[in-house]
Amino acid sequence: MSAENFTLSGTEALMKIFREYPEMGYRRPIVNAFRKAGLPVKKKMSESLPSNLSFLKRTMRIVTYKGKDPVVGVGVFGKGLTFKNSRGIAWNPWQLALWFNYGTLDWRAERFHQFKTPVRRKSKTNRMAGIRPGLFIEEGWDRSKIEAQKIFEKTVDDEVTKFLQKNAIN
């Protein structure tokens, strides 16, 4: 049995990659890819809005949620914004989008959205069956999901490769 001496080169770069991997090599590239892939989704959702709801285009956003897992949302986010109706009542744009997308009362689109509370009998008798569901959010997603998937796959590959090249080659 003989003893051989050898030296590993590049171990410092490898240790740096392993140290920074959770944030820089995993979370950030995935979040960036999700945000880029969300652009066509946001565009198609805005295009599928009915003309009477065109004011909701201002509230369509791509939002990154804080936390351990990389989660990005695309849709109507009306933080800080309100819309007043003809009677002067202020409404959150998210609530309006929910009603017009999934419907209300008798017209609820139950198979697309799980409602927490059932329709109360009292409100059913005094209303004209409610708001019909437009399902414009689902339509926008259906029209853009293939394009978003392609963009995500390409972007996440580019981002991870860029991270590895930046840290592995000094």
N, C-alpha and C. Protein backbone atom coordinates (compact mmCIF):
# COMPACT_ATOMS: atom_id res chain seq x y z
N MET A 1 0.83 -1.17 0.00
CA MET A 1 0.00 0.00 0.00
C MET A 1 0.88 1.24 0.00
N SER A 2 0.58 2.18 -0.88
CA SER A 2 1.39 3.39 -0.93
C SER A 2 0.53 4.60 -0.61
N ALA A 3 1.13 5.61 -0.08
CA ALA A 3 0.43 6.84 0.26
C ALA A 3 0.72 7.89 -0.79
N GLU A 4 -0.32 8.48 -1.28
CA GLU A 4 -0.18 9.53 -2.30
C GLU A 4 -0.73 10.84 -1.73
N ASN A 5 -0.11 11.92 -2.03
CA ASN A 5 -0.59 13.24 -1.64
C ASN A 5 -1.27 13.88 -2.85
N PHE A 6 -2.42 14.50 -2.61
CA PHE A 6 -3.09 15.22 -3.69
C PHE A 6 -3.73 16.47 -3.11
N THR A 7 -3.96 17.43 -3.97
CA THR A 7 -4.54 18.70 -3.56
C THR A 7 -5.78 18.96 -4.41
N LEU A 8 -6.87 19.32 -3.74
CA LEU A 8 -8.10 19.69 -4.45
C LEU A 8 -8.10 21.19 -4.66
N SER A 9 -8.28 21.60 -5.90
CA SER A 9 -8.37 23.04 -6.16
C SER A 9 -9.84 23.41 -6.36
N GLY A 10 -10.20 24.59 -5.97
CA GLY A 10 -11.57 25.06 -6.14
C GLY A 10 -12.47 24.77 -4.96
N THR A 11 -11.92 24.27 -3.86
CA THR A 11 -12.77 23.96 -2.70
C THR A 11 -13.36 25.21 -2.05
N GLU A 12 -12.64 26.31 -2.12
CA GLU A 12 -13.16 27.56 -1.55
C GLU A 12 -14.42 28.00 -2.29
N ALA A 13 -14.36 27.92 -3.62
CA ALA A 13 -15.53 28.29 -4.43
C ALA A 13 -16.69 27.34 -4.16
N LEU A 14 -16.41 26.06 -4.02
CA LEU A 14 -17.44 25.07 -3.74
C LEU A 14 -18.09 25.32 -2.39
N MET A 15 -17.30 25.64 -1.37
CA MET A 15 -17.85 25.94 -0.04
C MET A 15 -18.70 27.20 -0.08
N LYS A 16 -18.29 28.19 -0.86
CA LYS A 16 -19.06 29.42 -1.01
C LYS A 16 -20.42 29.12 -1.66
N ILE A 17 -20.41 28.27 -2.68
CA ILE A 17 -21.67 27.88 -3.35
C ILE A 17 -22.59 27.20 -2.35
N PHE A 18 -22.08 26.26 -1.57
CA PHE A 18 -22.91 25.55 -0.60
C PHE A 18 -23.44 26.48 0.49
N ARG A 19 -22.65 27.46 0.91
CA ARG A 19 -23.08 28.42 1.92
C ARG A 19 -24.21 29.30 1.40
N GLU A 20 -24.08 29.76 0.16
CA GLU A 20 -25.05 30.70 -0.39
C GLU A 20 -26.18 30.02 -1.16
N TYR A 21 -26.14 28.71 -1.27
CA TYR A 21 -27.12 28.02 -2.11
C TYR A 21 -28.58 28.26 -1.75
N PRO A 22 -28.98 28.19 -0.46
CA PRO A 22 -30.41 28.35 -0.17
C PRO A 22 -31.01 29.65 -0.71
N GLU A 23 -30.30 30.77 -0.54
CA GLU A 23 -30.86 32.05 -1.00
C GLU A 23 -30.48 32.35 -2.44
N MET A 24 -29.19 32.38 -2.72
CA MET A 24 -28.72 32.83 -4.03
C MET A 24 -28.87 31.76 -5.12
N GLY A 25 -28.73 30.51 -4.76
CA GLY A 25 -28.74 29.46 -5.77
C GLY A 25 -30.08 28.77 -5.91
N TYR A 26 -30.98 28.99 -4.97
CA TYR A 26 -32.27 28.31 -5.04
C TYR A 26 -33.43 29.31 -5.06
N ARG A 27 -33.58 30.05 -3.98
CA ARG A 27 -34.74 30.94 -3.85
C ARG A 27 -34.75 32.07 -4.88
N ARG A 28 -33.65 32.81 -4.97
CA ARG A 28 -33.63 33.97 -5.86
C ARG A 28 -33.83 33.60 -7.33
N PRO A 29 -33.15 32.59 -7.86
CA PRO A 29 -33.39 32.24 -9.27
C PRO A 29 -34.82 31.78 -9.53
N ILE A 30 -35.38 31.05 -8.59
CA ILE A 30 -36.75 30.56 -8.79
C ILE A 30 -37.75 31.72 -8.71
N VAL A 31 -37.57 32.60 -7.75
CA VAL A 31 -38.46 33.76 -7.64
C VAL A 31 -38.35 34.64 -8.88
N ASN A 32 -37.12 34.88 -9.35
CA ASN A 32 -36.94 35.68 -10.57
C ASN A 32 -37.61 35.02 -11.77
N ALA A 33 -37.49 33.69 -11.86
CA ALA A 33 -38.12 32.97 -12.96
C ALA A 33 -39.64 33.04 -12.86
N PHE A 34 -40.17 32.88 -11.65
CA PHE A 34 -41.63 33.00 -11.47
C PHE A 34 -42.12 34.40 -11.85
N ARG A 35 -41.39 35.42 -11.44
CA ARG A 35 -41.80 36.80 -11.74
C ARG A 35 -41.79 37.05 -13.25
N LYS A 36 -40.74 36.55 -13.94
CA LYS A 36 -40.69 36.71 -15.39
C LYS A 36 -41.80 35.94 -16.08
N ALA A 37 -42.06 34.74 -15.60
CA ALA A 37 -43.13 33.91 -16.17
C ALA A 37 -44.50 34.50 -15.87
N GLY A 38 -44.60 35.31 -14.83
CA GLY A 38 -45.87 35.94 -14.48
C GLY A 38 -46.27 37.08 -15.39
N LEU A 39 -45.32 37.63 -16.13
CA LEU A 39 -45.64 38.77 -17.02
C LEU A 39 -46.67 38.42 -18.08
N PRO A 40 -46.53 37.31 -18.83
CA PRO A 40 -47.58 37.00 -19.81
C PRO A 40 -48.91 36.64 -19.15
N VAL A 41 -48.85 36.06 -17.95
CA VAL A 41 -50.08 35.72 -17.23
C VAL A 41 -50.82 37.00 -16.86
N LYS A 42 -50.09 37.96 -16.32
CA LYS A 42 -50.68 39.25 -15.95
C LYS A 42 -51.28 39.94 -17.17
N LYS A 43 -50.56 39.90 -18.29
CA LYS A 43 -51.03 40.54 -19.52
C LYS A 43 -52.33 39.89 -20.02
N LYS A 44 -52.37 38.56 -20.02
CA LYS A 44 -53.57 37.86 -20.50
C LYS A 44 -54.75 38.05 -19.55
N MET A 45 -54.48 38.11 -18.24
CA MET A 45 -55.55 38.37 -17.29
C MET A 45 -56.12 39.77 -17.50
N SER A 46 -55.25 40.73 -17.75
CA SER A 46 -55.71 42.11 -18.01
C SER A 46 -56.53 42.18 -19.29
N GLU A 47 -56.07 41.45 -20.32
CA GLU A 47 -56.79 41.45 -21.59
C GLU A 47 -58.15 40.78 -21.48
N SER A 48 -58.29 39.81 -20.59
CA SER A 48 -59.55 39.09 -20.49
C SER A 48 -60.58 39.77 -19.58
N LEU A 49 -60.19 40.89 -18.97
CA LEU A 49 -61.16 41.64 -18.15
C LEU A 49 -62.30 42.16 -19.01
N PRO A 50 -63.53 42.08 -18.53
CA PRO A 50 -64.64 42.71 -19.26
C PRO A 50 -64.46 44.23 -19.30
N SER A 51 -65.04 44.86 -20.28
CA SER A 51 -64.84 46.30 -20.46
C SER A 51 -65.35 47.11 -19.27
N ASN A 52 -66.40 46.63 -18.59
CA ASN A 52 -66.91 47.38 -17.44
C ASN A 52 -66.01 47.26 -16.21
N LEU A 53 -65.01 46.36 -16.26
CA LEU A 53 -64.08 46.20 -15.15
C LEU A 53 -62.66 46.62 -15.53
N SER A 54 -62.53 47.41 -16.56
CA SER A 54 -61.19 47.80 -17.03
C SER A 54 -60.40 48.55 -15.97
N PHE A 55 -61.08 49.16 -14.99
CA PHE A 55 -60.38 49.87 -13.92
C PHE A 55 -59.54 48.91 -13.06
N LEU A 56 -59.83 47.61 -13.12
CA LEU A 56 -59.05 46.64 -12.34
C LEU A 56 -57.66 46.39 -12.92
N LYS A 57 -57.41 46.85 -14.15
CA LYS A 57 -56.09 46.67 -14.74
C LYS A 57 -55.01 47.33 -13.89
N ARG A 58 -55.35 48.43 -13.24
CA ARG A 58 -54.38 49.15 -12.40
C ARG A 58 -53.97 48.33 -11.17
N THR A 59 -54.81 47.36 -10.79
CA THR A 59 -54.52 46.59 -9.59
C THR A 59 -53.91 45.22 -9.90
N MET A 60 -53.73 44.90 -11.17
CA MET A 60 -53.09 43.63 -11.54
C MET A 60 -51.60 43.73 -11.24
N ARG A 61 -51.10 42.80 -10.44
CA ARG A 61 -49.70 42.84 -10.03
C ARG A 61 -49.10 41.45 -9.95
N ILE A 62 -47.77 41.43 -9.91
CA ILE A 62 -47.02 40.21 -9.62
C ILE A 62 -46.40 40.46 -8.26
N VAL A 63 -46.75 39.63 -7.27
CA VAL A 63 -46.33 39.84 -5.90
C VAL A 63 -45.51 38.66 -5.42
N THR A 64 -44.36 38.94 -4.80
CA THR A 64 -43.53 37.90 -4.19
C THR A 64 -43.84 37.85 -2.71
N TYR A 65 -44.20 36.67 -2.23
CA TYR A 65 -44.51 36.50 -0.83
C TYR A 65 -43.24 36.18 -0.04
N LYS A 66 -43.15 36.76 1.15
CA LYS A 66 -42.00 36.49 2.00
C LYS A 66 -42.23 35.16 2.70
N GLY A 67 -41.13 34.50 2.98
CA GLY A 67 -41.22 33.22 3.67
C GLY A 67 -40.15 32.28 3.17
N LYS A 68 -40.19 31.08 3.68
CA LYS A 68 -39.17 30.09 3.35
C LYS A 68 -39.28 29.63 1.90
N ASP A 69 -40.49 29.37 1.45
CA ASP A 69 -40.69 28.85 0.10
C ASP A 69 -40.83 29.98 -0.90
N PRO A 70 -40.32 29.78 -2.11
CA PRO A 70 -40.47 30.81 -3.15
C PRO A 70 -41.89 30.78 -3.73
N VAL A 71 -42.70 31.76 -3.36
CA VAL A 71 -44.08 31.83 -3.81
C VAL A 71 -44.32 33.19 -4.44
N VAL A 72 -44.90 33.18 -5.64
CA VAL A 72 -45.22 34.41 -6.34
C VAL A 72 -46.68 34.35 -6.75
N GLY A 73 -47.41 35.45 -6.54
CA GLY A 73 -48.81 35.52 -6.93
C GLY A 73 -49.01 36.50 -8.06
N VAL A 74 -49.93 36.16 -8.97
CA VAL A 74 -50.28 37.05 -10.07
C VAL A 74 -51.79 37.25 -10.01
N GLY A 75 -52.22 38.49 -10.01
CA GLY A 75 -53.66 38.73 -9.97
C GLY A 75 -53.98 40.13 -9.50
N VAL A 76 -55.16 40.27 -8.93
CA VAL A 76 -55.65 41.56 -8.45
C VAL A 76 -55.21 41.73 -7.00
N PHE A 77 -54.41 42.77 -6.76
CA PHE A 77 -53.94 43.10 -5.42
C PHE A 77 -54.22 44.58 -5.23
N GLY A 78 -55.17 44.91 -4.39
CA GLY A 78 -55.58 46.29 -4.24
C GLY A 78 -55.17 46.93 -2.95
N LYS A 79 -53.99 46.58 -2.44
CA LYS A 79 -53.54 47.16 -1.18
C LYS A 79 -53.43 48.68 -1.31
N GLY A 80 -54.19 49.36 -0.48
CA GLY A 80 -54.12 50.82 -0.47
C GLY A 80 -55.01 51.49 -1.50
N LEU A 81 -55.62 50.72 -2.38
CA LEU A 81 -56.50 51.29 -3.40
C LEU A 81 -57.95 50.98 -3.08
N THR A 82 -58.82 51.94 -3.34
CA THR A 82 -60.25 51.70 -3.21
C THR A 82 -60.97 52.31 -4.41
N PHE A 83 -62.09 51.75 -4.73
CA PHE A 83 -62.92 52.28 -5.81
C PHE A 83 -64.28 52.62 -5.25
N LYS A 84 -64.76 53.82 -5.59
CA LYS A 84 -66.07 54.25 -5.09
C LYS A 84 -67.12 54.05 -6.17
N ASN A 85 -68.26 53.52 -5.74
CA ASN A 85 -69.36 53.34 -6.69
C ASN A 85 -70.19 54.62 -6.76
N SER A 86 -71.28 54.57 -7.50
CA SER A 86 -72.10 55.77 -7.70
C SER A 86 -72.76 56.25 -6.41
N ARG A 87 -72.89 55.37 -5.42
CA ARG A 87 -73.47 55.75 -4.13
C ARG A 87 -72.42 56.25 -3.15
N GLY A 88 -71.15 56.26 -3.56
CA GLY A 88 -70.08 56.75 -2.70
C GLY A 88 -69.50 55.70 -1.77
N ILE A 89 -69.84 54.45 -1.97
CA ILE A 89 -69.32 53.37 -1.12
C ILE A 89 -67.97 52.93 -1.68
N ALA A 90 -66.96 52.85 -0.81
CA ALA A 90 -65.61 52.45 -1.22
C ALA A 90 -65.49 50.93 -1.15
N TRP A 91 -64.93 50.34 -2.21
CA TRP A 91 -64.75 48.89 -2.29
C TRP A 91 -63.28 48.57 -2.55
N ASN A 92 -62.84 47.48 -1.95
CA ASN A 92 -61.52 46.94 -2.24
C ASN A 92 -61.59 46.30 -3.63
N PRO A 93 -60.65 46.60 -4.53
CA PRO A 93 -60.70 46.04 -5.87
C PRO A 93 -60.61 44.52 -5.89
N TRP A 94 -59.94 43.94 -4.90
CA TRP A 94 -59.85 42.49 -4.83
C TRP A 94 -61.24 41.88 -4.63
N GLN A 95 -62.04 42.51 -3.78
CA GLN A 95 -63.40 42.02 -3.52
C GLN A 95 -64.25 42.11 -4.79
N LEU A 96 -64.14 43.20 -5.51
CA LEU A 96 -64.90 43.34 -6.76
C LEU A 96 -64.47 42.29 -7.79
N ALA A 97 -63.16 42.08 -7.89
CA ALA A 97 -62.65 41.06 -8.82
C ALA A 97 -63.17 39.68 -8.43
N LEU A 98 -63.19 39.37 -7.14
CA LEU A 98 -63.69 38.09 -6.66
C LEU A 98 -65.15 37.90 -7.06
N TRP A 99 -65.97 38.91 -6.82
CA TRP A 99 -67.40 38.80 -7.14
C TRP A 99 -67.63 38.62 -8.63
N PHE A 100 -66.97 39.46 -9.43
CA PHE A 100 -67.22 39.40 -10.86
C PHE A 100 -66.53 38.21 -11.53
N ASN A 101 -65.51 37.66 -10.91
CA ASN A 101 -64.85 36.48 -11.48
C ASN A 101 -65.61 35.20 -11.13
N TYR A 102 -66.00 35.04 -9.85
CA TYR A 102 -66.63 33.79 -9.41
C TYR A 102 -68.14 33.88 -9.21
N GLY A 103 -68.71 35.08 -9.36
CA GLY A 103 -70.16 35.22 -9.21
C GLY A 103 -70.58 35.32 -7.75
N THR A 104 -71.87 35.64 -7.56
CA THR A 104 -72.43 35.73 -6.22
C THR A 104 -73.78 35.04 -6.19
N LEU A 105 -74.23 34.77 -5.00
CA LEU A 105 -75.54 34.16 -4.73
C LEU A 105 -75.80 32.93 -5.58
N ASP A 106 -76.88 32.93 -6.35
CA ASP A 106 -77.24 31.75 -7.15
C ASP A 106 -76.26 31.46 -8.27
N TRP A 107 -75.47 32.45 -8.67
CA TRP A 107 -74.57 32.28 -9.82
C TRP A 107 -73.16 31.87 -9.43
N ARG A 108 -72.93 31.50 -8.21
CA ARG A 108 -71.57 31.15 -7.77
C ARG A 108 -70.97 30.03 -8.62
N ALA A 109 -69.72 30.21 -9.00
CA ALA A 109 -68.99 29.19 -9.77
C ALA A 109 -68.28 28.29 -8.77
N GLU A 110 -69.01 27.40 -8.15
CA GLU A 110 -68.51 26.55 -7.06
C GLU A 110 -67.38 25.64 -7.50
N ARG A 111 -67.38 25.21 -8.75
CA ARG A 111 -66.35 24.25 -9.16
C ARG A 111 -64.98 24.92 -9.36
N PHE A 112 -64.94 26.26 -9.45
CA PHE A 112 -63.68 26.98 -9.61
C PHE A 112 -63.16 27.58 -8.31
N HIS A 113 -64.04 27.77 -7.34
CA HIS A 113 -63.64 28.42 -6.09
C HIS A 113 -64.42 27.80 -4.94
N GLN A 114 -63.73 27.49 -3.86
CA GLN A 114 -64.36 26.93 -2.67
C GLN A 114 -64.77 28.07 -1.75
N PHE A 115 -66.06 28.31 -1.63
CA PHE A 115 -66.57 29.38 -0.78
C PHE A 115 -66.66 28.90 0.66
N LYS A 116 -66.33 29.79 1.60
CA LYS A 116 -66.33 29.41 3.02
C LYS A 116 -67.74 29.38 3.61
N THR A 117 -68.58 30.28 3.16
CA THR A 117 -69.93 30.33 3.72
C THR A 117 -70.96 30.06 2.63
N PRO A 118 -72.01 29.34 2.98
CA PRO A 118 -73.06 29.09 1.98
C PRO A 118 -73.91 30.35 1.76
N VAL A 119 -74.70 30.33 0.70
CA VAL A 119 -75.60 31.45 0.42
C VAL A 119 -76.71 31.41 1.46
N ARG A 120 -76.95 32.56 2.11
CA ARG A 120 -78.01 32.61 3.12
C ARG A 120 -79.37 32.77 2.45
N ARG A 121 -80.33 32.09 2.97
CA ARG A 121 -81.66 32.08 2.37
C ARG A 121 -82.25 33.49 2.30
N LYS A 122 -82.07 34.28 3.34
CA LYS A 122 -82.63 35.63 3.39
C LYS A 122 -82.11 36.47 2.22
N SER A 123 -80.82 36.40 1.94
CA SER A 123 -80.26 37.22 0.88
C SER A 123 -80.71 36.73 -0.50
N LYS A 124 -81.04 35.45 -0.62
CA LYS A 124 -81.47 34.92 -1.92
C LYS A 124 -82.83 35.48 -2.33
N THR A 125 -83.71 35.73 -1.36
CA THR A 125 -85.06 36.17 -1.71
C THR A 125 -85.10 37.65 -2.10
N ASN A 126 -84.17 38.44 -1.58
CA ASN A 126 -84.20 39.88 -1.84
C ASN A 126 -83.36 40.29 -3.04
N ARG A 127 -82.61 39.39 -3.64
CA ARG A 127 -81.70 39.74 -4.72
C ARG A 127 -82.14 39.11 -6.02
N MET A 128 -81.64 39.62 -7.11
CA MET A 128 -81.97 39.10 -8.43
C MET A 128 -80.92 38.07 -8.86
N ALA A 129 -80.74 37.03 -8.08
CA ALA A 129 -79.86 35.91 -8.37
C ALA A 129 -78.38 36.25 -8.30
N GLY A 130 -77.97 37.48 -8.13
CA GLY A 130 -76.57 37.83 -7.93
C GLY A 130 -75.83 38.18 -9.22
N ILE A 131 -74.51 38.19 -9.11
CA ILE A 131 -73.63 38.53 -10.22
C ILE A 131 -73.22 37.25 -10.92
N ARG A 132 -73.32 37.24 -12.24
CA ARG A 132 -72.91 36.06 -13.01
C ARG A 132 -71.39 35.97 -13.04
N PRO A 133 -70.84 34.75 -12.94
CA PRO A 133 -69.37 34.62 -12.96
C PRO A 133 -68.80 34.89 -14.34
N GLY A 134 -67.75 35.70 -14.38
CA GLY A 134 -67.08 36.00 -15.65
C GLY A 134 -65.91 35.07 -15.91
N LEU A 135 -65.31 34.55 -14.84
CA LEU A 135 -64.16 33.64 -14.91
C LEU A 135 -63.04 34.18 -15.79
N PHE A 136 -62.83 35.48 -15.76
CA PHE A 136 -61.79 36.10 -16.58
C PHE A 136 -60.39 35.78 -16.06
N ILE A 137 -60.23 35.56 -14.75
CA ILE A 137 -58.93 35.19 -14.20
C ILE A 137 -58.53 33.80 -14.72
N GLU A 138 -59.45 32.86 -14.68
CA GLU A 138 -59.18 31.51 -15.20
C GLU A 138 -58.91 31.53 -16.69
N GLU A 139 -59.66 32.36 -17.42
CA GLU A 139 -59.47 32.47 -18.87
C GLU A 139 -58.07 33.00 -19.18
N GLY A 140 -57.63 34.03 -18.45
CA GLY A 140 -56.29 34.58 -18.65
C GLY A 140 -55.21 33.56 -18.34
N TRP A 141 -55.41 32.78 -17.27
CA TRP A 141 -54.44 31.75 -16.91
C TRP A 141 -54.40 30.66 -17.99
N ASP A 142 -55.55 30.20 -18.44
CA ASP A 142 -55.60 29.15 -19.46
C ASP A 142 -54.92 29.59 -20.76
N ARG A 143 -55.07 30.85 -21.11
CA ARG A 143 -54.48 31.36 -22.35
C ARG A 143 -52.98 31.59 -22.25
N SER A 144 -52.44 31.65 -21.02
CA SER A 144 -51.02 32.02 -20.88
C SER A 144 -50.16 30.96 -20.21
N LYS A 145 -50.73 29.89 -19.72
CA LYS A 145 -49.93 28.96 -18.91
C LYS A 145 -48.83 28.24 -19.68
N ILE A 146 -49.02 27.94 -20.95
CA ILE A 146 -47.98 27.27 -21.73
C ILE A 146 -46.80 28.22 -21.95
N GLU A 147 -47.11 29.45 -22.31
CA GLU A 147 -46.05 30.46 -22.50
C GLU A 147 -45.31 30.72 -21.19
N ALA A 148 -46.06 30.80 -20.08
CA ALA A 148 -45.43 31.04 -18.77
C ALA A 148 -44.52 29.88 -18.39
N GLN A 149 -44.93 28.67 -18.68
CA GLN A 149 -44.10 27.52 -18.34
C GLN A 149 -42.79 27.53 -19.13
N LYS A 150 -42.86 27.88 -20.41
CA LYS A 150 -41.65 27.95 -21.23
C LYS A 150 -40.70 29.02 -20.71
N ILE A 151 -41.25 30.18 -20.38
CA ILE A 151 -40.43 31.28 -19.86
C ILE A 151 -39.80 30.87 -18.53
N PHE A 152 -40.58 30.24 -17.66
CA PHE A 152 -40.06 29.81 -16.36
C PHE A 152 -38.89 28.85 -16.53
N GLU A 153 -39.08 27.83 -17.35
CA GLU A 153 -38.03 26.81 -17.52
C GLU A 153 -36.74 27.41 -18.07
N LYS A 154 -36.87 28.29 -19.04
CA LYS A 154 -35.68 28.91 -19.63
C LYS A 154 -35.01 29.84 -18.62
N THR A 155 -35.79 30.65 -17.93
CA THR A 155 -35.24 31.63 -16.99
C THR A 155 -34.58 30.97 -15.80
N VAL A 156 -35.21 29.94 -15.23
CA VAL A 156 -34.62 29.30 -14.05
C VAL A 156 -33.32 28.61 -14.43
N ASP A 157 -33.26 28.03 -15.61
CA ASP A 157 -32.01 27.41 -16.07
C ASP A 157 -30.92 28.46 -16.23
N ASP A 158 -31.26 29.59 -16.86
CA ASP A 158 -30.28 30.67 -17.05
C ASP A 158 -29.80 31.24 -15.71
N GLU A 159 -30.73 31.43 -14.78
CA GLU A 159 -30.38 32.03 -13.48
C GLU A 159 -29.47 31.11 -12.65
N VAL A 160 -29.78 29.83 -12.61
CA VAL A 160 -28.96 28.89 -11.84
C VAL A 160 -27.59 28.75 -12.49
N THR A 161 -27.55 28.67 -13.82
CA THR A 161 -26.27 28.58 -14.52
C THR A 161 -25.41 29.81 -14.26
N LYS A 162 -26.03 30.98 -14.30
CA LYS A 162 -25.32 32.24 -14.02
C LYS A 162 -24.76 32.25 -12.60
N PHE A 163 -25.56 31.79 -11.64
CA PHE A 163 -25.09 31.72 -10.24
C PHE A 163 -23.90 30.78 -10.11
N LEU A 164 -24.01 29.61 -10.69
CA LEU A 164 -22.91 28.63 -10.59
C LEU A 164 -21.65 29.12 -11.28
N GLN A 165 -21.80 29.75 -12.44
CA GLN A 165 -20.62 30.24 -13.15
C GLN A 165 -19.96 31.39 -12.38
N LYS A 166 -20.77 32.25 -11.81
CA LYS A 166 -20.23 33.39 -11.07
C LYS A 166 -19.44 32.92 -9.84
N ASN A 167 -19.91 31.89 -9.17
CA ASN A 167 -19.27 31.45 -7.94
C ASN A 167 -18.24 30.35 -8.12
N ALA A 168 -18.33 29.58 -9.19
CA ALA A 168 -17.41 28.47 -9.37
C ALA A 168 -16.13 28.91 -10.07
N ILE A 169 -16.21 29.91 -10.91
CA ILE A 169 -15.04 30.36 -11.66
C ILE A 169 -14.58 31.69 -11.08
N ASN A 170 -13.47 31.68 -10.45
CA ASN A 170 -12.93 32.92 -9.86
C ASN A 170 -11.80 33.47 -10.69
